[in-house]
């Protein structure tokens, strides 16, 4: 075995540690660069998504406008329902009137037939 002085031994260790530290620093710099690149991509995607959401929200109907529309539609529906109810009542009344008229005509015809038969 060769003998090495204590000074040479420590210098060798320091050189090896410096190499290891430099390798670790280079790896850390690469990792930071990759992380920054990914963060930039994420920010770009987030901004694009935010823009899309903003554009989408511009086409949404405001709540107050929707409530006004809903109230108007409900009033129109109530009016149409009332008209339909009146129409059904009127139709039922006319139908009932026709039935009564046909019944009376049938009764009169029967009475006339019986009267003519008896005579």
Protein backbone atom coordinates (compact mmCIF):
# COMPACT_ATOMS: atom_id res chain seq x y z
CA UNK A 1 0.00 0.00 0.00
CA UNK A 2 1.16 3.43 -0.76
CA UNK A 3 1.18 5.93 1.96
CA UNK A 4 -0.57 9.22 1.34
CA UNK A 5 -0.08 12.27 3.43
CA UNK A 6 -2.99 13.58 5.44
CA UNK A 7 -3.02 16.78 3.37
CA UNK A 8 -3.25 14.88 0.07
CA UNK A 9 -5.99 12.67 1.51
CA UNK A 10 -8.12 15.68 2.54
CA UNK A 11 -7.51 17.44 -0.79
CA UNK A 12 -8.66 14.30 -2.61
CA UNK A 13 -11.82 14.13 -0.47
CA UNK A 14 -12.50 17.85 -1.06
CA UNK A 15 -12.12 17.42 -4.83
CA UNK A 16 -14.52 14.47 -4.82
CA UNK A 17 -17.02 16.40 -2.70
CA UNK A 18 -16.76 19.37 -5.04
CA UNK A 19 -17.50 17.07 -7.99
CA UNK A 20 -20.50 15.60 -6.16
CA UNK A 21 -21.76 19.06 -5.21
CA UNK A 22 -21.38 20.29 -8.80
CA UNK A 23 -23.26 17.25 -10.12
CA UNK A 24 -26.02 17.85 -7.55
CA UNK A 25 -26.19 21.56 -8.47
CA UNK A 26 -26.43 20.75 -12.18
CA UNK A 27 -29.23 18.27 -11.48
CA UNK A 28 -31.03 20.84 -9.33
CA UNK A 29 -30.68 23.48 -12.07
CA UNK A 30 -32.11 21.06 -14.63
CA UNK A 31 -34.98 20.21 -12.27
CA UNK A 32 -35.71 23.90 -11.68
CA UNK A 33 -35.65 24.56 -15.44
CA UNK A 34 -38.11 21.70 -16.07
CA UNK A 35 -40.32 22.89 -13.21
CA UNK A 36 -40.32 26.45 -14.56
CA UNK A 37 -41.20 25.18 -18.04
CA UNK A 38 -44.06 23.09 -16.65
CA UNK A 39 -45.27 26.02 -14.53
CA UNK A 40 -45.29 28.24 -17.61
CA UNK A 41 -47.32 25.67 -19.54
CA UNK A 42 -49.73 25.40 -16.62
CA UNK A 43 -50.13 29.20 -16.46
CA UNK A 44 -50.78 29.32 -20.22
CA UNK A 45 -53.43 26.60 -19.91
CA UNK A 46 -54.96 28.29 -16.88
CA UNK A 47 -55.16 31.61 -18.74
CA UNK A 48 -56.73 29.91 -21.75
CA UNK A 49 -59.26 28.16 -19.50
CA UNK A 50 -60.00 31.41 -17.67
CA UNK A 51 -60.57 33.15 -21.00
CA UNK A 52 -62.91 30.38 -22.13
CA UNK A 53 -64.90 30.65 -18.90
CA UNK A 54 -65.11 34.42 -19.28
CA UNK A 55 -66.37 34.06 -22.85
CA UNK A 56 -68.89 31.46 -21.72
CA UNK A 57 -70.16 33.65 -18.90
CA UNK A 58 -70.75 36.51 -21.32
CA UNK A 59 -73.40 34.39 -23.06
CA UNK A 60 -75.19 33.45 -19.83
CA UNK A 61 -78.46 35.17 -19.05
CA UNK A 62 -78.28 37.26 -15.86
CA UNK A 63 -80.43 35.95 -13.00
CA UNK A 64 -82.62 39.07 -12.92
CA UNK A 65 -83.33 38.74 -16.64
CA UNK A 66 -84.14 35.05 -16.22
CA UNK A 67 -86.51 35.78 -13.33
CA UNK A 68 -88.31 38.40 -15.43
CA UNK A 69 -88.57 35.95 -18.33
CA UNK A 70 -89.81 33.19 -16.03
CA UNK A 71 -92.49 35.42 -14.48
CA UNK A 72 -93.68 36.51 -17.94
CA UNK A 73 -93.82 32.90 -19.15
CA UNK A 74 -95.74 31.82 -16.05
CA UNK A 75 -98.27 34.64 -16.54
CA UNK A 76 -98.72 33.69 -20.19
CA UNK A 77 -99.17 30.06 -19.22
CA UNK A 78 -101.79 30.99 -16.61
CA UNK A 79 -103.68 33.07 -19.19
CA UNK A 80 -103.64 30.18 -21.69
CA UNK A 81 -104.80 27.75 -19.01
CA UNK A 82 -107.67 30.08 -18.12
CA UNK A 83 -108.62 30.36 -21.80
CA UNK A 84 -108.53 26.59 -22.19
CA UNK A 85 -110.67 26.14 -19.08
CA UNK A 86 -113.23 28.63 -20.42
CA UNK A 87 -113.16 26.94 -23.81
CA UNK A 88 -113.77 23.55 -22.24
CA UNK A 89 -116.62 24.97 -20.19
CA UNK A 90 -118.14 26.59 -23.23
CA UNK A 91 -117.76 23.39 -25.24
CA UNK A 92 -119.28 21.34 -22.43
CA UNK A 93 -122.19 23.79 -22.22
CA UNK A 94 -122.86 23.62 -25.98
CA UNK A 95 -122.61 19.85 -25.95
CA UNK A 96 -125.06 19.69 -23.08
CA UNK A 97 -127.43 22.08 -24.91
CA UNK A 98 -127.41 19.88 -28.02
CA UNK A 99 -128.20 16.82 -25.93
CA UNK A 100 -131.16 18.56 -24.33
CA UNK A 101 -132.41 19.81 -27.71
CA UNK A 102 -132.20 16.31 -29.26
CA UNK A 103 -133.94 14.84 -26.21
CA UNK A 104 -136.79 17.36 -26.47
CA UNK A 105 -137.15 16.72 -30.21
CA UNK A 106 -137.22 12.98 -29.54
CA UNK A 107 -139.88 13.44 -26.88
CA UNK A 108 -142.02 15.63 -29.17
CA UNK A 109 -141.67 13.10 -32.00
CA UNK A 110 -142.70 10.26 -29.68
CA UNK A 111 -145.74 12.22 -28.47
CA UNK A 112 -146.76 13.00 -32.07
CA UNK A 113 -146.38 9.36 -33.10
CA UNK A 114 -148.50 8.20 -30.14
CA UNK A 115 -151.08 10.92 -30.81
CA UNK A 116 -151.34 9.91 -34.48
CA UNK A 117 -151.58 6.24 -33.52
CA UNK A 118 -154.40 6.84 -31.06
CA UNK A 119 -156.41 8.98 -33.45
